Amino acid sequence: MSYKVPTNIITGFLGVGKTTTILNLLKNKPDNEKWAVLVNEFGEIGIDGAMMSEQGALIKEVPGGCMCCSAGVPMSVSITALLRQQPDRLLIEPTGLGHPKEVVAILTSDQYKDYVDLKSTITLVDPRNFKDDRYTSNQNFNDQLDCGDIILASKSDLAQPEDLANFEQWLSQQQPSKLYSALIVAGEIDPQLLSLDRTSSSASNYIEPHHHEHADQEPQFALAPGEAYVRRENRGQGYYSCGWLFGAEYHFNFDDIFSLLSDLQAERVKAVVNTDKGCYAFNVSNGVVSVTEMTLEGFESRIEVIDTQLMAWDELEKILLKLAGILVPFEWTLQKPTR
């Protein structure tokens, strides 16, 4: 390559709106530029990449947990594949449970120093989380904030004045000060932020040892011939995930799948589903359901649920199979799965 690709890490904990932010950036990118996105997800069934596929970007997915595990091999393979296509910009979205400092270390290593121009790291944070010990005591939550050059308070329209005050107080205590901060709504950010240079405080030349429990089976992105669906589970860092991939020939009733996903009492729910009304992306966080119409055709429906407790996956699966028309148990009724 004759040039270094400008690269940004866009990080943040589960449900802060990283994918929504990247989608907005892709919609507003210069028409003459080719952008690439590396998406890393905790779950084994890739959802975010499917949401981004309509924006014309080059997409690579690393599902199944932190991509810097296993000495960064999954990450390195995917980055190299994207760089070979010579994009004008590379965006990297680590999982909400990932290790951002280790991602920075890999991108600034000798392996990529001649190919990657690492710009500012953007960290999204829901200001409501500063009053919740589940987040403030979580090492990944704090690491994501520490390594961010730019800190953006997402979903600020849903925050109370107390939440915004907590955010401002946290910012005032940072030494050195952050490069830039702002309140944002619906993932709308200024694309010029991507051009800001990285500060030395986000640098790291050491990958700390850590462990992440991966599922026993390898991720699977395509169904075998004659297979109606596949299910994959993952666990690590006190979280559990279960995802399903359904054949493109199966369609869900929109109202039923909306009701089911709305009722799930889980930390995080994401899905891209073929329905009787078309293909839709569902995003559930903090009890709020966002729905986006997609133009995908012949797409395999994907559903992913993440929670801090091991949920009744078998019960949920039976409901999904009924809604897809694959299995209709005798006298089965749609009800909210329990943990």
C-alpha atoms as a PDB file:
ATOM      1  CA  MET A   1       0.000   0.000   0.000  1.00  0.00           C
ATOM      2  CA  SER A   2       1.201   3.484  -0.847  1.00  0.00           C
ATOM      3  CA  TYR A   3      -0.651   5.188   2.000  1.00  0.00           C
ATOM      4  CA  LYS A   4      -1.768   4.634   5.569  1.00  0.00           C
ATOM      5  CA  VAL A   5      -5.502   4.127   6.039  1.00  0.00           C
ATOM      6  CA  PRO A   6      -7.062   6.580   8.526  1.00  0.00           C
ATOM      7  CA  THR A   7      -8.555   4.379  11.243  1.00  0.00           C
ATOM      8  CA  ASN A   8     -10.837   5.026  14.202  1.00  0.00           C
ATOM      9  CA  ILE A   9     -11.934   2.795  17.053  1.00  0.00           C
ATOM     10  CA  ILE A  10     -15.525   3.445  18.118  1.00  0.00           C
ATOM     11  CA  THR A  11     -16.033   1.792  21.474  1.00  0.00           C
ATOM     12  CA  GLY A  12     -18.465   1.782  24.393  1.00  0.00           C
ATOM     13  CA  PHE A  13     -20.371  -0.611  26.624  1.00  0.00           C
ATOM     14  CA  LEU A  14     -23.371  -2.709  25.608  1.00  0.00           C
ATOM     15  CA  GLY A  15     -26.321  -0.714  24.306  1.00  0.00           C
ATOM     16  CA  VAL A  16     -24.731   2.740  24.020  1.00  0.00           C
ATOM     17  CA  GLY A  17     -25.429   3.080  20.292  1.00  0.00           C
ATOM     18  CA  LYS A  18     -22.137   2.235  18.573  1.00  0.00           C
ATOM     19  CA  THR A  19     -23.802   0.618  15.578  1.00  0.00           C
ATOM     20  CA  THR A  20     -26.292   3.478  15.187  1.00  0.00           C
ATOM     21  CA  THR A  21     -23.409   5.962  15.238  1.00  0.00           C
ATOM     22  CA  ILE A  22     -21.456   4.051  12.587  1.00  0.00           C
ATOM     23  CA  LEU A  23     -24.571   3.772  10.416  1.00  0.00           C
ATOM     24  CA  ASN A  24     -24.961   7.550  10.541  1.00  0.00           C
ATOM     25  CA  LEU A  25     -21.305   8.032   9.640  1.00  0.00           C
ATOM     26  CA  LEU A  26     -21.658   5.693   6.669  1.00  0.00           C
ATOM     27  CA  LYS A  27     -24.755   7.536   5.438  1.00  0.00           C
ATOM     28  CA  ASN A  28     -22.840  10.816   5.498  1.00  0.00           C
ATOM     29  CA  LYS A  29     -19.499   9.672   4.127  1.00  0.00           C
ATOM     30  CA  PRO A  30     -18.178  11.316   0.933  1.00  0.00           C
ATOM     31  CA  ASP A  31     -19.645   9.625  -2.138  1.00  0.00           C
ATOM     32  CA  ASN A  32     -16.209   9.172  -3.710  1.00  0.00           C
ATOM     33  CA  GLU A  33     -14.751   7.336  -0.707  1.00  0.00           C
ATOM     34  CA  LYS A  34     -14.727   3.635   0.065  1.00  0.00           C
ATOM     35  CA  TRP A  35     -15.007   2.875   3.785  1.00  0.00           C
ATOM     36  CA  ALA A  36     -14.413  -0.394   5.608  1.00  0.00           C
ATOM     37  CA  VAL A  37     -15.863  -1.506   8.938  1.00  0.00           C
ATOM     38  CA  LEU A  38     -14.615  -4.257  11.239  1.00  0.00           C
ATOM     39  CA  VAL A  39     -17.434  -5.338  13.560  1.00  0.00           C
ATOM     40  CA  ASN A  40     -16.708  -7.358  16.692  1.00  0.00           C
ATOM     41  CA  GLU A  41     -19.632  -8.842  18.630  1.00  0.00           C
ATOM     42  CA  PHE A  42     -19.920 -10.732  21.892  1.00  0.00           C
ATOM     43  CA  GLY A  43     -22.551 -13.064  20.464  1.00  0.00           C
ATOM     44  CA  GLU A  44     -21.813 -15.872  18.015  1.00  0.00           C
ATOM     45  CA  ILE A  45     -24.460 -14.742  15.487  1.00  0.00           C
ATOM     46  CA  GLY A  46     -23.397 -11.540  13.718  1.00  0.00           C
ATOM     47  CA  ILE A  47     -26.080  -8.826  13.793  1.00  0.00           C
ATOM     48  CA  ASP A  48     -24.326  -5.471  13.396  1.00  0.00           C
ATOM     49  CA  GLY A  49     -22.668  -6.377  10.120  1.00  0.00           C
ATOM     50  CA  ALA A  50     -26.053  -7.199   8.646  1.00  0.00           C
ATOM     51  CA  MET A  51     -27.353  -3.783   9.688  1.00  0.00           C
ATOM     52  CA  MET A  52     -24.421  -2.060   7.972  1.00  0.00           C
ATOM     53  CA  SER A  53     -24.449  -4.115   4.786  1.00  0.00           C
ATOM     54  CA  GLU A  54     -26.883  -1.735   3.054  1.00  0.00           C
ATOM     55  CA  GLN A  55     -24.569   1.261   3.340  1.00  0.00           C
ATOM     56  CA  GLY A  56     -22.109   0.147   0.678  1.00  0.00           C
ATOM     57  CA  ALA A  57     -19.174  -0.295   3.059  1.00  0.00           C
ATOM     58  CA  LEU A  58     -16.730  -3.180   3.147  1.00  0.00           C
ATOM     59  CA  ILE A  59     -17.775  -5.256   6.161  1.00  0.00           C
ATOM     60  CA  LYS A  60     -15.900  -7.890   8.150  1.00  0.00           C
ATOM     61  CA  GLU A  61     -17.291  -9.523  11.290  1.00  0.00           C
ATOM     62  CA  VAL A  62     -15.508 -11.135  14.222  1.00  0.00           C
ATOM     63  CA  PRO A  63     -18.236 -12.672  16.404  1.00  0.00           C
ATOM     64  CA  GLY A  64     -17.933 -14.755  19.547  1.00  0.00           C
ATOM     65  CA  GLY A  65     -16.244 -12.404  22.015  1.00  0.00           C
ATOM     66  CA  CYS A  66     -13.325 -10.001  22.210  1.00  0.00           C
ATOM     67  CA  MET A  67     -11.431 -10.049  18.920  1.00  0.00           C
ATOM     68  CA  CYS A  68      -8.093  -9.420  20.618  1.00  0.00           C
ATOM     69  CA  CYS A  69      -8.235 -12.806  22.362  1.00  0.00           C
ATOM     70  CA  SER A  70      -6.048 -15.609  21.008  1.00  0.00           C
ATOM     71  CA  ALA A  71      -3.175 -13.158  20.522  1.00  0.00           C
ATOM     72  CA  GLY A  72      -5.347 -11.004  18.259  1.00  0.00           C
ATOM     73  CA  VAL A  73      -5.403 -13.536  15.418  1.00  0.00           C
ATOM     74  CA  PRO A  74      -9.114 -13.084  14.488  1.00  0.00           C
ATOM     75  CA  MET A  75      -8.653  -9.325  14.474  1.00  0.00           C
ATOM     76  CA  SER A  76      -5.426  -9.407  12.463  1.00  0.00           C
ATOM     77  CA  VAL A  77      -6.856 -11.689   9.795  1.00  0.00           C
ATOM     78  CA  SER A  78      -9.907  -9.466   9.327  1.00  0.00           C
ATOM     79  CA  ILE A  79      -7.988  -6.177   9.313  1.00  0.00           C
ATOM     80  CA  THR A  80      -5.529  -7.510   6.753  1.00  0.00           C
ATOM     81  CA  ALA A  81      -8.386  -8.646   4.505  1.00  0.00           C
ATOM     82  CA  LEU A  82      -9.970  -5.183   4.660  1.00  0.00           C
ATOM     83  CA  LEU A  83      -6.695  -3.325   4.097  1.00  0.00           C
ATOM     84  CA  ARG A  84      -6.004  -5.388   0.985  1.00  0.00           C
ATOM     85  CA  GLN A  85      -9.090  -3.755  -0.547  1.00  0.00           C
ATOM     86  CA  GLN A  86      -7.480  -0.325  -0.026  1.00  0.00           C
ATOM     87  CA  PRO A  87     -10.297   1.559   1.726  1.00  0.00           C
ATOM     88  CA  ASP A  88     -10.194   5.306   2.286  1.00  0.00           C
ATOM     89  CA  ARG A  89     -11.125   4.863   5.946  1.00  0.00           C
ATOM     90  CA  LEU A  90     -11.396   1.990   8.423  1.00  0.00           C
ATOM     91  CA  LEU A  91     -13.802   2.002  11.380  1.00  0.00           C
ATOM     92  CA  ILE A  92     -13.462  -0.607  14.110  1.00  0.00           C
ATOM     93  CA  GLU A  93     -16.326  -1.424  16.482  1.00  0.00           C
ATOM     94  CA  PRO A  94     -15.138  -3.660  19.339  1.00  0.00           C
ATOM     95  CA  THR A  95     -17.691  -5.611  21.315  1.00  0.00           C
ATOM     96  CA  GLY A  96     -19.217  -3.776  24.269  1.00  0.00           C
ATOM     97  CA  LEU A  97     -17.383  -6.283  26.480  1.00  0.00           C
ATOM     98  CA  GLY A  98     -14.080  -5.986  24.629  1.00  0.00           C
ATOM     99  CA  HIS A  99     -10.639  -4.757  25.643  1.00  0.00           C
ATOM    100  CA  PRO A 100     -10.077  -1.451  23.788  1.00  0.00           C
ATOM    101  CA  LYS A 101      -6.523  -0.840  25.010  1.00  0.00           C
ATOM    102  CA  GLU A 102      -5.437  -4.162  23.571  1.00  0.00           C
ATOM    103  CA  VAL A 103      -7.061  -3.246  20.242  1.00  0.00           C
ATOM    104  CA  VAL A 104      -5.054   0.004  20.266  1.00  0.00           C
ATOM    105  CA  ALA A 105      -1.881  -1.986  21.011  1.00  0.00           C
ATOM    106  CA  ILE A 106      -2.439  -4.250  18.015  1.00  0.00           C
ATOM    107  CA  LEU A 107      -3.159  -1.352  15.644  1.00  0.00           C
ATOM    108  CA  THR A 108      -0.022   0.518  16.745  1.00  0.00           C
ATOM    109  CA  SER A 109       2.235  -2.545  16.608  1.00  0.00           C
ATOM    110  CA  ASP A 110       4.976  -3.065  14.030  1.00  0.00           C
ATOM    111  CA  GLN A 111       2.580  -5.285  12.082  1.00  0.00           C
ATOM    112  CA  TYR A 112       0.410  -2.304  11.081  1.00  0.00           C
ATOM    113  CA  LYS A 113       2.568   0.792  11.591  1.00  0.00           C
ATOM    114  CA  ASP A 114       3.110   1.164   7.819  1.00  0.00           C
ATOM    115  CA  TYR A 115      -0.526   0.570   6.895  1.00  0.00           C
ATOM    116  CA  VAL A 116      -2.743   2.094   9.609  1.00  0.00           C
ATOM    117  CA  ASP A 117      -2.934   5.754  10.644  1.00  0.00           C
ATOM    118  CA  LEU A 118      -4.734   5.385  13.970  1.00  0.00           C
ATOM    119  CA  LYS A 119      -6.748   8.514  14.668  1.00  0.00           C
ATOM    120  CA  SER A 120      -8.774   9.438  17.741  1.00  0.00           C
ATOM    121  CA  THR A 121     -10.598   6.719  19.648  1.00  0.00           C
ATOM    122  CA  ILE A 122     -14.271   7.608  20.153  1.00  0.00           C
ATOM    123  CA  THR A 123     -15.976   6.270  23.285  1.00  0.00           C
ATOM    124  CA  LEU A 124     -19.737   6.412  23.613  1.00  0.00           C
ATOM    125  CA  VAL A 125     -21.261   6.325  27.088  1.00  0.00           C
ATOM    126  CA  ASP A 126     -24.843   6.462  28.313  1.00  0.00           C
ATOM    127  CA  PRO A 127     -24.703   9.140  31.058  1.00  0.00           C
ATOM    128  CA  ARG A 128     -27.369   7.239  33.015  1.00  0.00           C
ATOM    129  CA  ASN A 129     -24.809   4.497  33.628  1.00  0.00           C
ATOM    130  CA  PHE A 130     -22.632   6.677  35.880  1.00  0.00           C
ATOM    131  CA  LYS A 131     -25.078   6.150  38.744  1.00  0.00           C
ATOM    132  CA  ASP A 132     -25.203   2.363  38.327  1.00  0.00           C
ATOM    133  CA  ASP A 133     -22.578   0.312  40.143  1.00  0.00           C
ATOM    134  CA  ARG A 134     -22.973  -2.507  37.599  1.00  0.00           C
ATOM    135  CA  TYR A 135     -21.200  -0.226  35.144  1.00  0.00           C
ATOM    136  CA  THR A 136     -18.900   1.907  37.266  1.00  0.00           C
ATOM    137  CA  SER A 137     -17.414  -1.204  38.909  1.00  0.00           C
ATOM    138  CA  ASN A 138     -16.953  -2.976  35.572  1.00  0.00           C
ATOM    139  CA  GLN A 139     -13.326  -2.941  34.401  1.00  0.00           C
ATOM    140  CA  ASN A 140     -14.232  -2.912  30.713  1.00  0.00           C
ATOM    141  CA  PHE A 141     -16.572   0.051  31.183  1.00  0.00           C
ATOM    142  CA  ASN A 142     -13.772   2.023  32.819  1.00  0.00           C
ATOM    143  CA  ASP A 143     -11.127   0.902  30.308  1.00  0.00           C
ATOM    144  CA  GLN A 144     -13.316   2.076  27.431  1.00  0.00           C
ATOM    145  CA  LEU A 145     -13.617   5.504  29.020  1.00  0.00           C
ATOM    146  CA  ASP A 146      -9.910   5.645  29.850  1.00  0.00           C
ATOM    147  CA  CYS A 147      -8.762   4.930  26.309  1.00  0.00           C
ATOM    148  CA  GLY A 148     -11.209   7.308  24.638  1.00  0.00           C
ATOM    149  CA  ASP A 149      -9.770  10.508  23.179  1.00  0.00           C
ATOM    150  CA  ILE A 150     -13.292  11.706  22.419  1.00  0.00           C
ATOM    151  CA  ILE A 151     -16.119  11.017  24.876  1.00  0.00           C
ATOM    152  CA  LEU A 152     -19.680  11.307  23.591  1.00  0.00           C
ATOM    153  CA  ALA A 153     -22.694  11.062  25.894  1.00  0.00           C
ATOM    154  CA  SER A 154     -25.123   9.058  23.794  1.00  0.00           C
ATOM    155  CA  LYS A 155     -28.890   8.989  24.310  1.00  0.00           C
ATOM    156  CA  SER A 156     -28.580  12.309  26.117  1.00  0.00           C
ATOM    157  CA  ASP A 157     -32.225  13.043  25.317  1.00  0.00           C
ATOM    158  CA  LEU A 158     -33.205  10.192  27.652  1.00  0.00           C
ATOM    159  CA  ALA A 159     -30.976  11.347  30.506  1.00  0.00           C
ATOM    160  CA  GLN A 160     -32.089  13.364  33.513  1.00  0.00           C
ATOM    161  CA  PRO A 161     -30.267  16.553  34.607  1.00  0.00           C
ATOM    162  CA  GLU A 162     -28.644  14.494  37.383  1.00  0.00           C
ATOM    163  CA  ASP A 163     -27.260  12.062  34.796  1.00  0.00           C
ATOM    164  CA  LEU A 164     -25.781  14.853  32.700  1.00  0.00           C
ATOM    165  CA  ALA A 165     -24.275  16.402  35.834  1.00  0.00           C
ATOM    166  CA  ASN A 166     -22.627  13.071  36.667  1.00  0.00           C
ATOM    167  CA  PHE A 167     -21.184  12.964  33.147  1.00  0.00           C
ATOM    168  CA  GLU A 168     -19.796  16.487  33.429  1.00  0.00           C
ATOM    169  CA  GLN A 169     -18.337  15.713  36.857  1.00  0.00           C
ATOM    170  CA  TRP A 170     -16.582  12.627  35.506  1.00  0.00           C
ATOM    171  CA  LEU A 171     -15.151  14.674  32.624  1.00  0.00           C
ATOM    172  CA  SER A 172     -13.827  17.348  34.990  1.00  0.00           C
ATOM    173  CA  GLN A 173     -11.874  14.718  36.925  1.00  0.00           C
ATOM    174  CA  GLN A 174      -9.968  13.356  33.927  1.00  0.00           C
ATOM    175  CA  GLN A 175      -6.217  13.896  33.877  1.00  0.00           C
ATOM    176  CA  PRO A 176      -5.145  14.579  31.230  1.00  0.00           C
ATOM    177  CA  SER A 177      -8.319  16.148  29.920  1.00  0.00           C
ATOM    178  CA  LYS A 178     -10.132  14.476  27.074  1.00  0.00           C
ATOM    179  CA  LEU A 179      -9.591  15.839  23.582  1.00  0.00           C
ATOM    180  CA  TYR A 180     -13.272  16.520  22.986  1.00  0.00           C
ATOM    181  CA  SER A 181     -16.666  15.735  24.537  1.00  0.00           C
ATOM    182  CA  ALA A 182     -20.289  16.348  23.613  1.00  0.00           C
ATOM    183  CA  LEU A 183     -23.883  15.257  24.141  1.00  0.00           C
ATOM    184  CA  ILE A 184     -25.381  13.401  21.200  1.00  0.00           C
ATOM    185  CA  VAL A 185     -28.779  12.026  20.225  1.00  0.00           C
ATOM    186  CA  ALA A 186     -29.582   9.094  17.923  1.00  0.00           C
ATOM    187  CA  GLY A 187     -25.912   8.543  17.077  1.00  0.00           C
ATOM    188  CA  GLU A 188     -25.552  11.850  15.213  1.00  0.00           C
ATOM    189  CA  ILE A 189     -21.928  12.993  15.392  1.00  0.00           C
ATOM    190  CA  ASP A 190     -19.765  15.366  13.392  1.00  0.00           C
ATOM    191  CA  PRO A 191     -17.775  13.307  10.831  1.00  0.00           C
ATOM    192  CA  GLN A 192     -14.884  15.749  11.280  1.00  0.00           C
ATOM    193  CA  LEU A 193     -14.204  14.139  14.655  1.00  0.00           C
ATOM    194  CA  LEU A 194     -12.786  11.143  12.799  1.00  0.00           C
ATOM    195  CA  SER A 195      -9.891  13.291  11.573  1.00  0.00           C
ATOM    196  CA  LEU A 196      -8.678  14.344  15.016  1.00  0.00           C
ATOM    197  CA  ASP A 197      -5.332  12.873  15.994  1.00  0.00           C
ATOM    198  CA  ARG A 198      -4.998  10.339  18.762  1.00  0.00           C
ATOM    199  CA  THR A 199      -3.596  11.536  22.091  1.00  0.00           C
ATOM    200  CA  SER A 200      -0.719   9.827  23.832  1.00  0.00           C
ATOM    201  CA  SER A 201      -2.955   8.822  26.754  1.00  0.00           C
ATOM    202  CA  SER A 202      -4.734   6.275  24.555  1.00  0.00           C
ATOM    203  CA  ALA A 203      -1.502   4.642  23.489  1.00  0.00           C
ATOM    204  CA  SER A 204      -0.502   1.193  24.681  1.00  0.00           C
ATOM    205  CA  ASN A 205       2.347  -1.066  23.670  1.00  0.00           C
ATOM    206  CA  TYR A 206       1.478  -3.930  25.994  1.00  0.00           C
ATOM    207  CA  ILE A 207      -1.355  -6.409  25.645  1.00  0.00           C
ATOM    208  CA  GLU A 208      -2.447  -7.410  29.123  1.00  0.00           C
ATOM    209  CA  PRO A 209      -3.186 -11.094  29.638  1.00  0.00           C
ATOM    210  CA  HIS A 210      -6.896 -11.808  29.900  1.00  0.00           C
ATOM    211  CA  HIS A 211      -9.257 -14.680  29.427  1.00  0.00           C
ATOM    212  CA  HIS A 212     -12.540 -14.950  27.610  1.00  0.00           C
ATOM    213  CA  GLU A 213     -14.649 -18.079  27.513  1.00  0.00           C
ATOM    214  CA  HIS A 214     -15.664 -18.872  23.971  1.00  0.00           C
ATOM    215  CA  ALA A 215     -18.376 -21.237  22.893  1.00  0.00           C
ATOM    216  CA  ASP A 216     -17.255 -24.783  22.205  1.00  0.00           C
ATOM    217  CA  GLN A 217     -18.386 -24.571  18.587  1.00  0.00           C
ATOM    218  CA  GLU A 218     -17.005 -22.310  15.914  1.00  0.00           C
ATOM    219  CA  PRO A 219     -19.186 -19.436  14.672  1.00  0.00           C
ATOM    220  CA  GLN A 220     -21.368 -20.388  11.746  1.00  0.00           C
ATOM    221  CA  PHE A 221     -22.701 -17.847   9.292  1.00  0.00           C
ATOM    222  CA  ALA A 222     -24.440 -20.098   6.779  1.00  0.00           C
ATOM    223  CA  LEU A 223     -26.969 -22.854   7.215  1.00  0.00           C
ATOM    224  CA  ALA A 224     -26.211 -26.311   5.915  1.00  0.00           C
ATOM    225  CA  PRO A 225     -28.444 -27.568   3.061  1.00  0.00           C
ATOM    226  CA  GLY A 226     -31.807 -28.547   4.468  1.00  0.00           C
ATOM    227  CA  GLU A 227     -31.117 -26.911   7.844  1.00  0.00           C
ATOM    228  CA  ALA A 228     -33.927 -24.590   9.008  1.00  0.00           C
ATOM    229  CA  TYR A 229     -32.049 -22.794  11.758  1.00  0.00           C
ATOM    230  CA  VAL A 230     -28.944 -22.854  13.919  1.00  0.00           C
ATOM    231  CA  ARG A 231     -28.384 -21.760  17.519  1.00  0.00           C
ATOM    232  CA  ARG A 232     -25.119 -20.557  19.078  1.00  0.00           C
ATOM    233  CA  GLU A 233     -24.275 -19.623  22.668  1.00  0.00           C
ATOM    234  CA  ASN A 234     -21.409 -17.749  24.274  1.00  0.00           C
ATOM    235  CA  ARG A 235     -20.400 -16.677  27.766  1.00  0.00           C
ATOM    236  CA  GLY A 236     -17.726 -14.558  29.413  1.00  0.00           C
ATOM    237  CA  GLN A 237     -17.087 -11.719  31.869  1.00  0.00           C
ATOM    238  CA  GLY A 238     -20.342 -12.423  33.679  1.00  0.00           C
ATOM    239  CA  TYR A 239     -22.494 -12.274  30.550  1.00  0.00           C
ATOM    240  CA  TYR A 240     -24.336 -14.921  28.529  1.00  0.00           C
ATOM    241  CA  SER A 241     -25.502 -14.744  24.925  1.00  0.00           C
ATOM    242  CA  CYS A 242     -27.651 -16.903  22.704  1.00  0.00           C
ATOM    243  CA  GLY A 243     -28.255 -16.300  19.026  1.00  0.00           C
ATOM    244  CA  TRP A 244     -30.318 -17.865  16.276  1.00  0.00           C
ATOM    245  CA  LEU A 245     -29.933 -17.867  12.501  1.00  0.00           C
ATOM    246  CA  PHE A 246     -33.060 -18.744  10.489  1.00  0.00           C
ATOM    247  CA  GLY A 247     -33.259 -19.642   6.818  1.00  0.00           C
ATOM    248  CA  ALA A 248     -34.331 -16.873   4.439  1.00  0.00           C
ATOM    249  CA  GLU A 249     -37.453 -18.843   3.510  1.00  0.00           C
ATOM    250  CA  TYR A 250     -38.928 -18.314   6.989  1.00  0.00           C
ATOM    251  CA  HIS A 251     -40.873 -15.159   7.817  1.00  0.00           C
ATOM    252  CA  PHE A 252     -42.062 -13.888  11.195  1.00  0.00           C
ATOM    253  CA  ASN A 253     -45.240 -11.994  11.918  1.00  0.00           C
ATOM    254  CA  PHE A 254     -44.073  -8.441  12.583  1.00  0.00           C
ATOM    255  CA  ASP A 255     -46.408  -7.773  15.508  1.00  0.00           C
ATOM    256  CA  ASP A 256     -45.559 -11.083  17.199  1.00  0.00           C
ATOM    257  CA  ILE A 257     -41.798 -10.718  16.929  1.00  0.00           C
ATOM    258  CA  PHE A 258     -42.012  -7.077  18.052  1.00  0.00           C
ATOM    259  CA  SER A 259     -44.043  -8.138  21.096  1.00  0.00           C
ATOM    260  CA  LEU A 260     -41.633 -10.950  21.961  1.00  0.00           C
ATOM    261  CA  LEU A 261     -38.480  -8.844  21.685  1.00  0.00           C
ATOM    262  CA  SER A 262     -40.123  -6.033  23.659  1.00  0.00           C
ATOM    263  CA  ASP A 263     -41.046  -8.371  26.498  1.00  0.00           C
ATOM    264  CA  LEU A 264     -37.636  -9.981  26.891  1.00  0.00           C
ATOM    265  CA  GLN A 265     -36.077  -8.797  30.135  1.00  0.00           C
ATOM    266  CA  ALA A 266     -32.499  -9.015  28.935  1.00  0.00           C
ATOM    267  CA  GLU A 267     -29.536  -6.662  29.031  1.00  0.00           C
ATOM    268  CA  ARG A 268     -29.375  -6.472  25.224  1.00  0.00           C
ATOM    269  CA  VAL A 269     -31.471  -7.731  22.311  1.00  0.00           C
ATOM    270  CA  LYS A 270     -30.639  -7.246  18.627  1.00  0.00           C
ATOM    271  CA  ALA A 271     -32.173  -8.760  15.529  1.00  0.00           C
ATOM    272  CA  VAL A 272     -32.536  -8.457  11.778  1.00  0.00           C
ATOM    273  CA  VAL A 273     -35.679 -10.341  10.831  1.00  0.00           C
ATOM    274  CA  ASN A 274     -37.689 -11.176   7.725  1.00  0.00           C
ATOM    275  CA  THR A 275     -41.315 -10.376   8.556  1.00  0.00           C
ATOM    276  CA  ASP A 276     -44.643 -10.362   6.753  1.00  0.00           C
ATOM    277  CA  LYS A 277     -44.130  -6.593   6.361  1.00  0.00           C
ATOM    278  CA  GLY A 278     -40.551  -6.800   5.053  1.00  0.00           C
ATOM    279  CA  CYS A 279     -37.094  -7.001   6.594  1.00  0.00           C
ATOM    280  CA  TYR A 280     -36.575  -5.017   9.806  1.00  0.00           C
ATOM    281  CA  ALA A 281     -33.764  -4.418  12.276  1.00  0.00           C
ATOM    282  CA  PHE A 282     -34.742  -4.475  15.954  1.00  0.00           C
ATOM    283  CA  ASN A 283     -32.582  -2.928  18.648  1.00  0.00           C
ATOM    284  CA  VAL A 284     -33.633  -3.251  22.305  1.00  0.00           C
ATOM    285  CA  SER A 285     -31.769  -1.441  25.072  1.00  0.00           C
ATOM    286  CA  ASN A 286     -32.984  -0.292  28.500  1.00  0.00           C
ATOM    287  CA  GLY A 287     -36.485  -1.436  27.638  1.00  0.00           C
ATOM    288  CA  VAL A 288     -36.669   0.783  24.540  1.00  0.00           C
ATOM    289  CA  VAL A 289     -37.248  -0.872  21.163  1.00  0.00           C
ATOM    290  CA  SER A 290     -35.915   0.770  18.000  1.00  0.00           C
ATOM    291  CA  VAL A 291     -37.093  -0.525  14.640  1.00  0.00           C
ATOM    292  CA  THR A 292     -35.487   0.233  11.275  1.00  0.00           C
ATOM    293  CA  GLU A 293     -36.798  -0.924   7.926  1.00  0.00           C
ATOM    294  CA  MET A 294     -34.224  -2.696   5.740  1.00  0.00           C
ATOM    295  CA  THR A 295     -34.163  -3.364   2.003  1.00  0.00           C
ATOM    296  CA  LEU A 296     -32.448  -6.734   2.294  1.00  0.00           C
ATOM    297  CA  GLU A 297     -33.889  -9.579   0.248  1.00  0.00           C
ATOM    298  CA  GLY A 298     -33.210 -13.291   0.599  1.00  0.00           C
ATOM    299  CA  PHE A 299     -31.675 -12.607   3.985  1.00  0.00           C
ATOM    300  CA  GLU A 300     -31.271 -15.073   6.830  1.00  0.00           C
ATOM    301  CA  SER A 301     -32.972 -13.747   9.972  1.00  0.00           C
ATOM    302  CA  ARG A 302     -30.650 -13.262  12.959  1.00  0.00           C
ATOM    303  CA  ILE A 303     -31.591 -12.800  16.614  1.00  0.00           C
ATOM    304  CA  GLU A 304     -29.199 -12.282  19.526  1.00  0.00           C
ATOM    305  CA  VAL A 305     -29.963 -11.974  23.269  1.00  0.00           C
ATOM    306  CA  ILE A 306     -27.362 -10.996  25.889  1.00  0.00           C
ATOM    307  CA  ASP A 307     -27.900 -10.946  29.644  1.00  0.00           C
ATOM    308  CA  THR A 308     -26.041 -11.152  32.939  1.00  0.00           C
ATOM    309  CA  GLN A 309     -28.026 -14.264  33.862  1.00  0.00           C
ATOM    310  CA  LEU A 310     -28.415 -17.560  32.065  1.00  0.00           C
ATOM    311  CA  MET A 311     -31.887 -17.353  30.545  1.00  0.00           C
ATOM    312  CA  ALA A 312     -34.322 -20.090  29.539  1.00  0.00           C
ATOM    313  CA  TRP A 313     -32.936 -20.416  26.022  1.00  0.00           C
ATOM    314  CA  ASP A 314     -34.868 -23.610  25.250  1.00  0.00           C
ATOM    315  CA  GLU A 315     -38.161 -21.954  26.084  1.00  0.00           C
ATOM    316  CA  LEU A 316     -37.328 -18.903  23.994  1.00  0.00           C
ATOM    317  CA  GLU A 317     -36.289 -21.121  21.098  1.00  0.00           C
ATOM    318  CA  LYS A 318     -39.633 -22.934  21.092  1.00  0.00           C
ATOM    319  CA  ILE A 319     -41.424 -19.612  20.808  1.00  0.00           C
ATOM    320  CA  LEU A 320     -39.173 -18.492  17.943  1.00  0.00           C
ATOM    321  CA  LEU A 321     -39.707 -21.773  16.117  1.00  0.00           C
ATOM    322  CA  LYS A 322     -43.444 -21.360  16.431  1.00  0.00           C
ATOM    323  CA  LEU A 323     -43.322 -17.783  15.142  1.00  0.00           C
ATOM    324  CA  ALA A 324     -41.186 -18.903  12.202  1.00  0.00           C
ATOM    325  CA  GLY A 325     -43.607 -21.729  11.413  1.00  0.00           C
ATOM    326  CA  ILE A 326     -40.925 -24.371  11.915  1.00  0.00           C
ATOM    327  CA  LEU A 327     -42.408 -25.998  14.997  1.00  0.00           C
ATOM    328  CA  VAL A 328     -45.864 -25.554  16.508  1.00  0.00           C
ATOM    329  CA  PRO A 329     -46.037 -27.338  19.880  1.00  0.00           C
ATOM    330  CA  PHE A 330     -49.450 -28.514  21.016  1.00  0.00           C
ATOM    331  CA  GLU A 331     -51.356 -25.676  22.733  1.00  0.00           C
ATOM    332  CA  TRP A 332     -48.240 -23.515  22.836  1.00  0.00           C
ATOM    333  CA  THR A 333     -48.998 -19.882  23.658  1.00  0.00           C
ATOM    334  CA  LEU A 334     -46.784 -16.849  23.264  1.00  0.00           C
ATOM    335  CA  GLN A 335     -45.510 -15.941  26.698  1.00  0.00           C
ATOM    336  CA  LYS A 336     -42.522 -14.115  28.099  1.00  0.00           C
ATOM    337  CA  PRO A 337     -39.613 -16.497  28.776  1.00  0.00           C
ATOM    338  CA  THR A 338     -38.376 -16.499  32.333  1.00  0.00           C
ATOM    339  CA  ARG A 339     -34.810 -16.644  33.546  1.00  0.00           C
END
